[in-house]
Amino acid sequence: MALAGTGDVLGDACKAAVDGVSDPTDRTEVFRALGNAIIDHIISNGTSAVTVVSVSGVTVGAGVSGPGTGNLV
């Protein structure tokens, strides 16, 4: 998996998340904000390439194949 952008982009997202917590002395709230910022960054910017070497059990006939999009879950 690859991520677009730089550490600065993720760093800025983490800083904004921590700046947005209601009580900066609440470690649970701070770490949850950081964790959510990191996960949001991965979901928004992560890309993954998949190569299929062989396929079996496919019905003969016309079909569509090519690039596509999906979700990292």
C-alpha atoms as a PDB file:
ATOM      1  CA  MET A   1       0.000   0.000   0.000  1.00  0.00           C
ATOM      2  CA  ALA A   2       1.187   3.494  -0.765  1.00  0.00           C
ATOM      3  CA  LEU A   3       0.132   6.798   0.731  1.00  0.00           C
ATOM      4  CA  ALA A   4      -0.070  10.023  -1.202  1.00  0.00           C
ATOM      5  CA  GLY A   5       1.459  13.109   0.352  1.00  0.00           C
ATOM      6  CA  THR A   6       4.149  13.584   2.926  1.00  0.00           C
ATOM      7  CA  GLY A   7       4.563  13.262   6.653  1.00  0.00           C
ATOM      8  CA  ASP A   8       3.715  16.945   6.847  1.00  0.00           C
ATOM      9  CA  VAL A   9       0.165  16.238   5.629  1.00  0.00           C
ATOM     10  CA  LEU A  10      -0.378  13.541   8.249  1.00  0.00           C
ATOM     11  CA  GLY A  11       1.373  15.639  10.888  1.00  0.00           C
ATOM     12  CA  ASP A  12      -0.920  18.589  10.188  1.00  0.00           C
ATOM     13  CA  ALA A  13      -3.976  16.325  10.413  1.00  0.00           C
ATOM     14  CA  CYS A  14      -2.774  14.926  13.759  1.00  0.00           C
ATOM     15  CA  LYS A  15      -2.062  18.406  15.117  1.00  0.00           C
ATOM     16  CA  ALA A  16      -5.520  19.626  14.065  1.00  0.00           C
ATOM     17  CA  ALA A  17      -7.120  16.584  15.701  1.00  0.00           C
ATOM     18  CA  VAL A  18      -5.282  17.144  18.995  1.00  0.00           C
ATOM     19  CA  ASP A  19      -6.001  20.887  18.883  1.00  0.00           C
ATOM     20  CA  GLY A  20      -9.690  19.984  18.575  1.00  0.00           C
ATOM     21  CA  VAL A  21      -9.985  17.890  21.743  1.00  0.00           C
ATOM     22  CA  SER A  22     -11.984  19.448  24.550  1.00  0.00           C
ATOM     23  CA  ASP A  23      -9.522  18.483  27.304  1.00  0.00           C
ATOM     24  CA  PRO A  24      -5.879  18.226  26.189  1.00  0.00           C
ATOM     25  CA  THR A  25      -4.951  16.639  29.531  1.00  0.00           C
ATOM     26  CA  ASP A  26      -7.296  13.681  28.852  1.00  0.00           C
ATOM     27  CA  ARG A  27      -4.848  11.151  27.380  1.00  0.00           C
ATOM     28  CA  THR A  28      -7.615   8.878  26.123  1.00  0.00           C
ATOM     29  CA  GLU A  29      -9.232  11.712  24.177  1.00  0.00           C
ATOM     30  CA  VAL A  30      -5.871  12.830  22.753  1.00  0.00           C
ATOM     31  CA  PHE A  31      -4.837   9.345  21.608  1.00  0.00           C
ATOM     32  CA  ARG A  32      -8.267   8.604  20.144  1.00  0.00           C
ATOM     33  CA  ALA A  33      -8.082  11.862  18.192  1.00  0.00           C
ATOM     34  CA  LEU A  34      -4.618  10.894  16.913  1.00  0.00           C
ATOM     35  CA  GLY A  35      -5.740   7.379  16.010  1.00  0.00           C
ATOM     36  CA  ASN A  36      -8.790   8.636  14.151  1.00  0.00           C
ATOM     37  CA  ALA A  37      -6.692  11.214  12.259  1.00  0.00           C
ATOM     38  CA  ILE A  38      -4.269   8.482  11.153  1.00  0.00           C
ATOM     39  CA  ILE A  39      -7.052   6.097  10.072  1.00  0.00           C
ATOM     40  CA  ASP A  40      -8.865   8.893   8.210  1.00  0.00           C
ATOM     41  CA  HIS A  41      -5.599   9.766   6.436  1.00  0.00           C
ATOM     42  CA  ILE A  42      -5.026   6.144   5.377  1.00  0.00           C
ATOM     43  CA  ILE A  43      -8.597   5.716   4.130  1.00  0.00           C
ATOM     44  CA  SER A  44      -8.490   9.020   2.228  1.00  0.00           C
ATOM     45  CA  ASN A  45      -5.000   8.680   0.735  1.00  0.00           C
ATOM     46  CA  GLY A  46      -4.077   4.991   0.644  1.00  0.00           C
ATOM     47  CA  THR A  47      -3.757   3.154  -2.652  1.00  0.00           C
ATOM     48  CA  SER A  48      -3.122  -0.495  -3.286  1.00  0.00           C
ATOM     49  CA  ALA A  49      -2.237  -2.421  -6.447  1.00  0.00           C
ATOM     50  CA  VAL A  50      -3.509  -5.964  -6.929  1.00  0.00           C
ATOM     51  CA  THR A  51      -2.165  -8.374  -9.538  1.00  0.00           C
ATOM     52  CA  VAL A  52      -4.136 -11.494 -10.419  1.00  0.00           C
ATOM     53  CA  VAL A  53      -1.941 -14.216 -11.893  1.00  0.00           C
ATOM     54  CA  SER A  54      -4.652 -16.743 -12.720  1.00  0.00           C
ATOM     55  CA  VAL A  55      -8.422 -16.983 -12.556  1.00  0.00           C
ATOM     56  CA  SER A  56     -10.482 -20.174 -12.654  1.00  0.00           C
ATOM     57  CA  GLY A  57     -14.211 -20.806 -12.694  1.00  0.00           C
ATOM     58  CA  VAL A  58     -14.985 -17.854 -14.964  1.00  0.00           C
ATOM     59  CA  THR A  59     -17.910 -18.130 -17.388  1.00  0.00           C
ATOM     60  CA  VAL A  60     -16.898 -17.770 -21.039  1.00  0.00           C
ATOM     61  CA  GLY A  61     -18.178 -14.623 -22.724  1.00  0.00           C
ATOM     62  CA  ALA A  62     -17.787 -10.882 -22.899  1.00  0.00           C
ATOM     63  CA  GLY A  63     -16.686  -9.110 -19.791  1.00  0.00           C
ATOM     64  CA  VAL A  64     -15.083  -5.951 -18.505  1.00  0.00           C
ATOM     65  CA  SER A  65     -11.733  -5.803 -16.842  1.00  0.00           C
ATOM     66  CA  GLY A  66      -9.444  -2.987 -15.899  1.00  0.00           C
ATOM     67  CA  PRO A  67      -8.648  -0.363 -13.323  1.00  0.00           C
ATOM     68  CA  GLY A  68     -11.137   0.255 -10.589  1.00  0.00           C
ATOM     69  CA  THR A  69     -11.590   1.722  -7.169  1.00  0.00           C
ATOM     70  CA  GLY A  70     -12.415   0.262  -3.803  1.00  0.00           C
ATOM     71  CA  ASN A  71     -12.278   0.856  -0.080  1.00  0.00           C
ATOM     72  CA  LEU A  72      -9.673  -0.053   2.487  1.00  0.00           C
ATOM     73  CA  VAL A  73     -11.608  -1.546   5.351  1.00  0.00           C
END
